[in-house]
Each structure stands twice: as C-alpha cells, then as structure tokens.
Amino acid sequence: MAKEKIMLSACLAGINCVYDGTNKLHPFFAEMYAGGEALIFCPEVLGGLKIPHDPSEISGGDGFDCLESKARVVSKKGDDVTRFFLKGAEKVFELAKKNGIKKAVMKSKSPSCGCGYIFNGTFSKKLILGYGVCAALLKKNGIEVISDTDYLKNEE
C-alpha cells in the first residue's frame, strides 16, 4: 500500500524561501520530497511576500487569533503584514483540499507554519505556545499539523 502524500514546508526540502533567503534543509525531508511523498508549499511566498523580506512575528496572540482578527503579524520594522500571511494560508489550504491532504509537516516557530510554539511577537527569540497562521487554518479545518521536530521524533 502506497504511503499517503503529506504537505511539507518547502524550506525543509531545501527551497530558499525563509524570510532571509535561506532554507531549513533536512535530508530526511528533502528525500521525502524527491521521492514524491510530499507536496511542498511556502505560505509566505504564496501570500505575496518577496524573498528576502523582513522577519515577522505574531503580535497579540497566535495564528488562531489572527484568523479571528484578534492578533496581527508584524514585521521587525513595525509593518502590519497580516494580509500576506492570511492570503498564503488560504492558498495552502486550497492546495491541501485539492490534493486530498490530511497531514502537513511544518517548520516549527514560524509565524506561518509554527506548530505548538511560535515566537512571542517581541523579536526577543522568546517562544510561546501557539500556532502560526497557516498551521492554525489547516488545523481548524481538520488537517493534522505536526512540527518538523515532532515528526522526526516519531520517525526514529
């Protein structure tokens, strides 16, 4: 029986889509993508942010709060970039629906993809419990989201 295809944060497969133009390559995920087991995505790129761009964090809550307009995503320069994160999350969700995806492995700590922990919105490298905007939208719609670190722990 063939493995069910998952969605994967593109940076984990080696795509240079992190805000600073780098990636978060992990050989396990790169191999998964190369083997056709994963569909890659980057909500920030899909939402219209250019690479590189200023780092961003969620201020006033987490991704669930952003979905309800109770929090916002703010760049380090102070610009409200919430609309890009919401647009990217919607596009990823549409991609997931179109491809029958039931699970997404996402980069931890990201304001888009963070699962379980995100930065606290002060650019002080402090983490709080929470989900990024895209992870929250997928989770809210019944798609299992798991961080890259938790997924790798389960594979060992």
N, C-alpha and C. Protein backbone atom coordinates (compact mmCIF):
# COMPACT_ATOMS: atom_id res chain seq x y z
N MET A 1 0.84 -1.18 0.00
CA MET A 1 0.00 0.00 0.00
C MET A 1 0.89 1.25 0.00
N ALA A 2 0.59 2.18 -0.89
CA ALA A 2 1.38 3.40 -1.00
C ALA A 2 1.12 4.31 0.19
N LYS A 3 2.18 5.01 0.60
CA LYS A 3 2.06 5.98 1.68
C LYS A 3 1.20 7.14 1.21
N GLU A 4 0.42 7.68 2.14
CA GLU A 4 -0.39 8.85 1.82
C GLU A 4 0.52 10.07 1.71
N LYS A 5 0.32 10.87 0.67
CA LYS A 5 1.14 12.06 0.47
C LYS A 5 0.83 13.09 1.54
N ILE A 6 1.88 13.76 2.03
CA ILE A 6 1.72 14.82 3.01
C ILE A 6 2.14 16.15 2.39
N MET A 7 1.79 17.23 3.06
CA MET A 7 2.31 18.54 2.67
C MET A 7 3.50 18.85 3.55
N LEU A 8 4.44 19.61 3.03
CA LEU A 8 5.70 19.86 3.71
C LEU A 8 6.13 21.30 3.49
N SER A 9 6.51 21.98 4.57
CA SER A 9 7.08 23.33 4.43
C SER A 9 8.27 23.24 3.47
N ALA A 10 8.23 24.05 2.43
CA ALA A 10 9.24 23.98 1.36
C ALA A 10 10.66 24.19 1.87
N CYS A 11 10.83 25.01 2.88
CA CYS A 11 12.18 25.28 3.40
C CYS A 11 12.84 24.01 3.93
N LEU A 12 12.04 23.07 4.42
CA LEU A 12 12.57 21.81 4.95
C LEU A 12 13.14 20.91 3.85
N ALA A 13 12.65 21.12 2.63
CA ALA A 13 13.13 20.34 1.48
C ALA A 13 14.31 21.03 0.80
N GLY A 14 14.75 22.17 1.35
CA GLY A 14 15.91 22.86 0.81
C GLY A 14 15.59 24.04 -0.09
N ILE A 15 14.34 24.42 -0.20
CA ILE A 15 13.96 25.58 -1.01
C ILE A 15 14.30 26.86 -0.24
N ASN A 16 14.96 27.79 -0.88
CA ASN A 16 15.38 29.03 -0.23
C ASN A 16 14.21 30.01 -0.12
N CYS A 17 13.31 29.73 0.82
CA CYS A 17 12.12 30.57 0.98
C CYS A 17 11.95 31.12 2.39
N VAL A 18 12.94 30.90 3.26
CA VAL A 18 12.91 31.51 4.59
C VAL A 18 13.04 33.02 4.38
N TYR A 19 12.50 33.81 5.30
CA TYR A 19 12.46 35.27 5.14
C TYR A 19 13.80 35.88 4.71
N ASP A 20 14.92 35.28 5.15
CA ASP A 20 16.24 35.84 4.83
C ASP A 20 16.87 35.24 3.57
N GLY A 21 16.11 34.45 2.84
CA GLY A 21 16.61 33.86 1.59
C GLY A 21 17.32 32.54 1.76
N THR A 22 17.30 31.99 2.97
CA THR A 22 17.94 30.70 3.23
C THR A 22 16.88 29.60 3.27
N ASN A 23 17.29 28.42 3.70
CA ASN A 23 16.36 27.31 3.86
C ASN A 23 16.62 26.63 5.19
N LYS A 24 15.82 25.65 5.51
CA LYS A 24 15.97 24.85 6.74
C LYS A 24 16.12 23.38 6.35
N LEU A 25 16.92 23.14 5.33
CA LEU A 25 17.09 21.81 4.76
C LEU A 25 17.35 20.74 5.82
N HIS A 26 16.56 19.67 5.72
CA HIS A 26 16.82 18.47 6.50
C HIS A 26 16.82 17.33 5.49
N PRO A 27 17.88 16.53 5.45
CA PRO A 27 17.98 15.47 4.44
C PRO A 27 16.78 14.52 4.41
N PHE A 28 16.20 14.22 5.57
CA PHE A 28 15.04 13.33 5.61
C PHE A 28 13.89 13.90 4.79
N PHE A 29 13.61 15.20 4.97
CA PHE A 29 12.50 15.83 4.26
C PHE A 29 12.83 16.05 2.79
N ALA A 30 14.08 16.36 2.49
CA ALA A 30 14.48 16.52 1.09
C ALA A 30 14.29 15.20 0.33
N GLU A 31 14.63 14.10 0.99
CA GLU A 31 14.47 12.78 0.38
C GLU A 31 12.98 12.45 0.20
N MET A 32 12.19 12.81 1.19
CA MET A 32 10.75 12.58 1.12
C MET A 32 10.16 13.32 -0.09
N TYR A 33 10.57 14.58 -0.26
CA TYR A 33 10.08 15.38 -1.39
C TYR A 33 10.59 14.79 -2.72
N ALA A 34 11.87 14.47 -2.78
CA ALA A 34 12.46 13.92 -4.01
C ALA A 34 11.79 12.61 -4.40
N GLY A 35 11.34 11.85 -3.40
CA GLY A 35 10.68 10.57 -3.66
C GLY A 35 9.20 10.68 -3.97
N GLY A 36 8.69 11.91 -4.05
CA GLY A 36 7.29 12.12 -4.40
C GLY A 36 6.32 11.86 -3.26
N GLU A 37 6.83 11.77 -2.04
CA GLU A 37 5.95 11.51 -0.89
C GLU A 37 5.38 12.78 -0.29
N ALA A 38 5.86 13.94 -0.73
CA ALA A 38 5.42 15.20 -0.13
C ALA A 38 5.19 16.27 -1.19
N LEU A 39 4.18 17.07 -0.94
CA LEU A 39 3.87 18.23 -1.75
C LEU A 39 4.38 19.44 -0.95
N ILE A 40 5.26 20.24 -1.54
CA ILE A 40 5.85 21.35 -0.77
C ILE A 40 5.05 22.64 -0.96
N PHE A 41 5.17 23.53 0.03
CA PHE A 41 4.48 24.80 0.00
C PHE A 41 5.23 25.81 0.86
N CYS A 42 5.04 27.08 0.57
CA CYS A 42 5.52 28.17 1.43
C CYS A 42 4.42 29.22 1.48
N PRO A 43 3.71 29.31 2.62
CA PRO A 43 2.61 30.26 2.71
C PRO A 43 3.04 31.71 2.54
N GLU A 44 4.23 32.06 2.97
CA GLU A 44 4.66 33.45 2.87
C GLU A 44 4.87 33.84 1.41
N VAL A 45 5.47 32.95 0.63
CA VAL A 45 5.65 33.20 -0.80
C VAL A 45 4.29 33.21 -1.50
N LEU A 46 3.45 32.22 -1.20
CA LEU A 46 2.12 32.16 -1.81
C LEU A 46 1.27 33.37 -1.45
N GLY A 47 1.54 33.95 -0.29
CA GLY A 47 0.80 35.14 0.15
C GLY A 47 1.29 36.43 -0.48
N GLY A 48 2.41 36.38 -1.19
CA GLY A 48 2.90 37.56 -1.90
C GLY A 48 4.13 38.22 -1.32
N LEU A 49 4.70 37.67 -0.25
CA LEU A 49 5.93 38.25 0.29
C LEU A 49 7.12 37.87 -0.58
N LYS A 50 7.98 38.81 -0.83
CA LYS A 50 9.19 38.56 -1.61
C LYS A 50 10.25 37.94 -0.71
N ILE A 51 11.16 37.21 -1.29
CA ILE A 51 12.28 36.63 -0.56
C ILE A 51 13.54 37.34 -1.05
N PRO A 52 14.33 37.92 -0.19
CA PRO A 52 14.13 38.02 1.26
C PRO A 52 13.13 39.11 1.63
N HIS A 53 12.64 39.05 2.88
CA HIS A 53 11.81 40.10 3.45
C HIS A 53 12.13 40.23 4.94
N ASP A 54 11.63 41.28 5.54
CA ASP A 54 11.89 41.49 6.96
C ASP A 54 11.29 40.35 7.78
N PRO A 55 11.96 39.92 8.85
CA PRO A 55 11.38 38.90 9.72
C PRO A 55 10.07 39.41 10.32
N SER A 56 9.17 38.50 10.59
CA SER A 56 7.86 38.85 11.14
C SER A 56 7.53 37.93 12.30
N GLU A 57 6.71 38.43 13.21
CA GLU A 57 6.21 37.64 14.33
C GLU A 57 4.76 38.03 14.58
N ILE A 58 4.03 37.14 15.22
CA ILE A 58 2.64 37.41 15.56
C ILE A 58 2.61 38.21 16.85
N SER A 59 1.88 39.30 16.82
CA SER A 59 1.74 40.18 17.98
C SER A 59 0.31 40.09 18.51
N GLY A 60 0.18 39.81 19.80
CA GLY A 60 -1.15 39.80 20.41
C GLY A 60 -1.85 38.46 20.42
N GLY A 61 -1.12 37.39 20.19
CA GLY A 61 -1.74 36.06 20.20
C GLY A 61 -1.00 35.11 19.28
N ASP A 62 -1.77 34.23 18.64
CA ASP A 62 -1.18 33.28 17.70
C ASP A 62 -1.99 33.27 16.41
N GLY A 63 -1.73 32.27 15.57
CA GLY A 63 -2.40 32.19 14.28
C GLY A 63 -3.91 32.08 14.37
N PHE A 64 -4.42 31.37 15.37
CA PHE A 64 -5.87 31.29 15.55
C PHE A 64 -6.45 32.68 15.81
N ASP A 65 -5.72 33.47 16.61
CA ASP A 65 -6.16 34.84 16.89
C ASP A 65 -6.11 35.71 15.64
N CYS A 66 -5.12 35.49 14.79
CA CYS A 66 -5.04 36.23 13.52
C CYS A 66 -6.24 35.89 12.63
N LEU A 67 -6.63 34.62 12.60
CA LEU A 67 -7.78 34.21 11.79
C LEU A 67 -9.06 34.91 12.24
N GLU A 68 -9.12 35.28 13.51
CA GLU A 68 -10.30 35.96 14.07
C GLU A 68 -10.09 37.47 14.21
N SER A 69 -9.04 37.99 13.57
CA SER A 69 -8.69 39.42 13.62
C SER A 69 -8.45 39.93 15.04
N LYS A 70 -7.97 39.06 15.92
CA LYS A 70 -7.66 39.45 17.30
C LYS A 70 -6.16 39.67 17.51
N ALA A 71 -5.35 39.30 16.54
CA ALA A 71 -3.90 39.48 16.58
C ALA A 71 -3.46 39.81 15.17
N ARG A 72 -2.21 40.23 15.05
CA ARG A 72 -1.70 40.56 13.72
C ARG A 72 -0.26 40.11 13.58
N VAL A 73 0.17 39.98 12.34
CA VAL A 73 1.56 39.65 12.06
C VAL A 73 2.26 40.95 11.71
N VAL A 74 3.37 41.20 12.41
CA VAL A 74 4.07 42.47 12.27
C VAL A 74 5.53 42.20 11.90
N SER A 75 6.05 42.97 10.96
CA SER A 75 7.46 42.84 10.59
C SER A 75 8.32 43.50 11.67
N LYS A 76 9.60 43.19 11.64
CA LYS A 76 10.52 43.78 12.61
C LYS A 76 10.55 45.30 12.49
N LYS A 77 10.23 45.82 11.30
CA LYS A 77 10.18 47.27 11.09
C LYS A 77 8.86 47.88 11.59
N GLY A 78 7.92 47.02 12.00
CA GLY A 78 6.65 47.51 12.51
C GLY A 78 5.51 47.52 11.51
N ASP A 79 5.74 47.01 10.29
CA ASP A 79 4.68 46.98 9.27
C ASP A 79 3.72 45.83 9.55
N ASP A 80 2.43 46.08 9.41
CA ASP A 80 1.41 45.04 9.54
C ASP A 80 1.39 44.23 8.24
N VAL A 81 1.80 42.98 8.32
CA VAL A 81 1.87 42.12 7.13
C VAL A 81 0.87 40.96 7.23
N THR A 82 -0.10 41.11 8.10
CA THR A 82 -1.09 40.05 8.34
C THR A 82 -1.74 39.58 7.06
N ARG A 83 -2.09 40.50 6.17
CA ARG A 83 -2.81 40.13 4.95
C ARG A 83 -2.03 39.12 4.11
N PHE A 84 -0.70 39.22 4.08
CA PHE A 84 0.11 38.28 3.30
C PHE A 84 0.05 36.88 3.93
N PHE A 85 0.06 36.83 5.24
CA PHE A 85 0.03 35.56 5.95
C PHE A 85 -1.34 34.89 5.81
N LEU A 86 -2.40 35.68 5.86
CA LEU A 86 -3.75 35.14 5.69
C LEU A 86 -3.95 34.64 4.26
N LYS A 87 -3.52 35.42 3.28
CA LYS A 87 -3.66 35.03 1.87
C LYS A 87 -2.87 33.74 1.60
N GLY A 88 -1.65 33.66 2.12
CA GLY A 88 -0.84 32.45 1.92
C GLY A 88 -1.46 31.24 2.58
N ALA A 89 -2.00 31.42 3.77
CA ALA A 89 -2.66 30.30 4.48
C ALA A 89 -3.85 29.79 3.67
N GLU A 90 -4.64 30.71 3.14
CA GLU A 90 -5.80 30.32 2.31
C GLU A 90 -5.36 29.53 1.08
N LYS A 91 -4.29 29.98 0.44
CA LYS A 91 -3.81 29.28 -0.76
C LYS A 91 -3.29 27.88 -0.41
N VAL A 92 -2.61 27.75 0.72
CA VAL A 92 -2.12 26.43 1.14
C VAL A 92 -3.31 25.52 1.46
N PHE A 93 -4.32 26.06 2.13
CA PHE A 93 -5.50 25.27 2.45
C PHE A 93 -6.19 24.79 1.17
N GLU A 94 -6.30 25.66 0.18
CA GLU A 94 -6.91 25.26 -1.11
C GLU A 94 -6.09 24.15 -1.77
N LEU A 95 -4.77 24.27 -1.71
CA LEU A 95 -3.88 23.24 -2.25
C LEU A 95 -4.09 21.90 -1.52
N ALA A 96 -4.22 21.97 -0.21
CA ALA A 96 -4.45 20.76 0.59
C ALA A 96 -5.77 20.11 0.21
N LYS A 97 -6.83 20.91 0.09
CA LYS A 97 -8.15 20.37 -0.29
C LYS A 97 -8.09 19.73 -1.68
N LYS A 98 -7.49 20.45 -2.61
CA LYS A 98 -7.41 19.98 -3.99
C LYS A 98 -6.68 18.63 -4.10
N ASN A 99 -5.69 18.42 -3.22
CA ASN A 99 -4.87 17.21 -3.28
C ASN A 99 -5.23 16.16 -2.23
N GLY A 100 -6.33 16.38 -1.50
CA GLY A 100 -6.77 15.41 -0.50
C GLY A 100 -5.78 15.20 0.64
N ILE A 101 -5.06 16.24 1.00
CA ILE A 101 -4.03 16.14 2.05
C ILE A 101 -4.69 16.09 3.42
N LYS A 102 -4.20 15.18 4.26
CA LYS A 102 -4.72 15.04 5.61
C LYS A 102 -3.69 15.41 6.68
N LYS A 103 -2.41 15.55 6.27
CA LYS A 103 -1.34 15.86 7.23
C LYS A 103 -0.34 16.82 6.60
N ALA A 104 0.11 17.78 7.44
CA ALA A 104 1.14 18.73 7.00
C ALA A 104 2.26 18.76 8.03
N VAL A 105 3.49 18.64 7.54
CA VAL A 105 4.67 18.77 8.40
C VAL A 105 5.19 20.18 8.16
N MET A 106 5.26 20.95 9.26
CA MET A 106 5.54 22.37 9.13
C MET A 106 6.72 22.79 9.99
N LYS A 107 7.43 23.81 9.55
CA LYS A 107 8.61 24.30 10.27
C LYS A 107 8.21 24.94 11.59
N SER A 108 8.76 24.45 12.64
CA SER A 108 8.44 24.97 13.96
C SER A 108 8.87 26.43 14.11
N LYS A 109 8.17 27.14 14.96
CA LYS A 109 8.45 28.52 15.39
C LYS A 109 8.05 29.61 14.39
N SER A 110 7.72 29.25 13.19
CA SER A 110 7.40 30.22 12.14
C SER A 110 6.05 30.90 12.39
N PRO A 111 5.91 32.20 12.01
CA PRO A 111 4.61 32.85 12.14
C PRO A 111 3.58 32.31 11.15
N SER A 112 4.03 31.56 10.15
CA SER A 112 3.13 30.88 9.22
C SER A 112 2.92 29.43 9.62
N CYS A 113 4.02 28.72 9.78
CA CYS A 113 3.99 27.27 9.90
C CYS A 113 4.18 26.74 11.32
N GLY A 114 4.44 27.59 12.27
CA GLY A 114 4.71 27.14 13.63
C GLY A 114 3.63 26.22 14.18
N CYS A 115 4.06 25.13 14.79
CA CYS A 115 3.14 24.14 15.36
C CYS A 115 3.51 23.90 16.81
N GLY A 116 2.71 24.40 17.70
CA GLY A 116 2.98 24.19 19.12
C GLY A 116 3.73 25.34 19.76
N TYR A 117 4.72 25.88 19.06
CA TYR A 117 5.49 27.01 19.57
C TYR A 117 5.73 28.02 18.47
N ILE A 118 5.60 29.30 18.81
CA ILE A 118 5.92 30.40 17.91
C ILE A 118 6.67 31.46 18.73
N PHE A 119 7.31 32.38 18.04
CA PHE A 119 7.95 33.48 18.74
C PHE A 119 6.88 34.43 19.28
N ASN A 120 7.18 35.11 20.37
CA ASN A 120 6.17 35.86 21.12
C ASN A 120 5.81 37.25 20.59
N GLY A 121 6.37 37.67 19.48
CA GLY A 121 5.99 38.95 18.90
C GLY A 121 6.86 40.12 19.32
N THR A 122 7.91 39.85 20.11
CA THR A 122 8.79 40.93 20.58
C THR A 122 10.17 40.91 19.93
N PHE A 123 10.40 39.95 19.04
CA PHE A 123 11.69 39.79 18.36
C PHE A 123 12.83 39.60 19.37
N SER A 124 12.52 38.93 20.48
CA SER A 124 13.50 38.67 21.53
C SER A 124 13.89 37.19 21.59
N LYS A 125 13.45 36.43 20.58
CA LYS A 125 13.73 34.98 20.48
C LYS A 125 13.06 34.18 21.58
N LYS A 126 12.05 34.76 22.24
CA LYS A 126 11.29 34.04 23.27
C LYS A 126 10.12 33.32 22.61
N LEU A 127 9.91 32.08 23.01
CA LEU A 127 8.83 31.26 22.45
C LEU A 127 7.62 31.25 23.37
N ILE A 128 6.44 31.11 22.75
CA ILE A 128 5.19 30.90 23.48
C ILE A 128 4.47 29.72 22.85
N LEU A 129 3.54 29.16 23.57
CA LEU A 129 2.68 28.12 23.00
C LEU A 129 1.79 28.76 21.94
N GLY A 130 1.63 28.10 20.82
CA GLY A 130 0.76 28.63 19.79
C GLY A 130 1.07 28.07 18.42
N TYR A 131 0.27 28.49 17.47
CA TYR A 131 0.39 28.04 16.08
C TYR A 131 0.53 29.26 15.17
N GLY A 132 1.25 29.06 14.07
CA GLY A 132 1.34 30.10 13.05
C GLY A 132 0.02 30.19 12.30
N VAL A 133 -0.11 31.20 11.46
CA VAL A 133 -1.36 31.46 10.76
C VAL A 133 -1.78 30.30 9.86
N CYS A 134 -0.88 29.80 9.05
CA CYS A 134 -1.21 28.70 8.14
C CYS A 134 -1.49 27.42 8.92
N ALA A 135 -0.66 27.13 9.91
CA ALA A 135 -0.88 25.92 10.72
C ALA A 135 -2.24 25.98 11.40
N ALA A 136 -2.61 27.16 11.90
CA ALA A 136 -3.91 27.32 12.56
C ALA A 136 -5.06 27.08 11.59
N LEU A 137 -4.96 27.62 10.38
CA LEU A 137 -6.04 27.45 9.40
C LEU A 137 -6.19 25.97 9.02
N LEU A 138 -5.07 25.30 8.78
CA LEU A 138 -5.15 23.88 8.43
C LEU A 138 -5.75 23.08 9.58
N LYS A 139 -5.26 23.32 10.79
CA LYS A 139 -5.74 22.61 11.97
C LYS A 139 -7.24 22.87 12.19
N LYS A 140 -7.65 24.11 12.04
CA LYS A 140 -9.06 24.49 12.21
C LYS A 140 -9.95 23.73 11.23
N ASN A 141 -9.39 23.36 10.09
CA ASN A 141 -10.16 22.67 9.05
C ASN A 141 -9.90 21.17 9.00
N GLY A 142 -9.39 20.62 10.10
CA GLY A 142 -9.29 19.17 10.23
C GLY A 142 -8.06 18.52 9.65
N ILE A 143 -7.09 19.31 9.22
CA ILE A 143 -5.85 18.73 8.70
C ILE A 143 -4.87 18.63 9.86
N GLU A 144 -4.27 17.48 10.02
CA GLU A 144 -3.29 17.30 11.09
C GLU A 144 -2.04 18.09 10.76
N VAL A 145 -1.60 18.90 11.72
CA VAL A 145 -0.34 19.62 11.54
C VAL A 145 0.63 19.15 12.61
N ILE A 146 1.86 18.95 12.19
CA ILE A 146 2.90 18.49 13.10
C ILE A 146 4.19 19.22 12.77
N SER A 147 4.93 19.58 13.80
CA SER A 147 6.19 20.28 13.55
C SER A 147 7.22 19.31 12.98
N ASP A 148 8.20 19.86 12.31
CA ASP A 148 9.29 19.06 11.75
C ASP A 148 9.99 18.27 12.85
N THR A 149 10.22 18.90 13.99
CA THR A 149 10.94 18.21 15.08
C THR A 149 10.12 17.06 15.65
N ASP A 150 8.81 17.27 15.83
CA ASP A 150 7.97 16.18 16.35
C ASP A 150 7.84 15.05 15.34
N TYR A 151 7.75 15.39 14.05
CA TYR A 151 7.65 14.36 13.02
C TYR A 151 8.91 13.49 13.02
N LEU A 152 10.06 14.13 13.12
CA LEU A 152 11.32 13.37 13.12
C LEU A 152 11.44 12.49 14.36
N LYS A 153 10.96 12.95 15.50
CA LYS A 153 10.96 12.11 16.72
C LYS A 153 10.14 10.85 16.51
N ASN A 154 9.00 10.99 15.81
CA ASN A 154 8.12 9.85 15.55
C ASN A 154 8.72 8.88 14.55
N GLU A 155 9.63 9.35 13.70
CA GLU A 155 10.25 8.51 12.69
C GLU A 155 11.42 7.69 13.23
N GLU A 156 11.96 8.09 14.39
CA GLU A 156 13.14 7.40 14.94
C GLU A 156 12.79 6.04 15.47
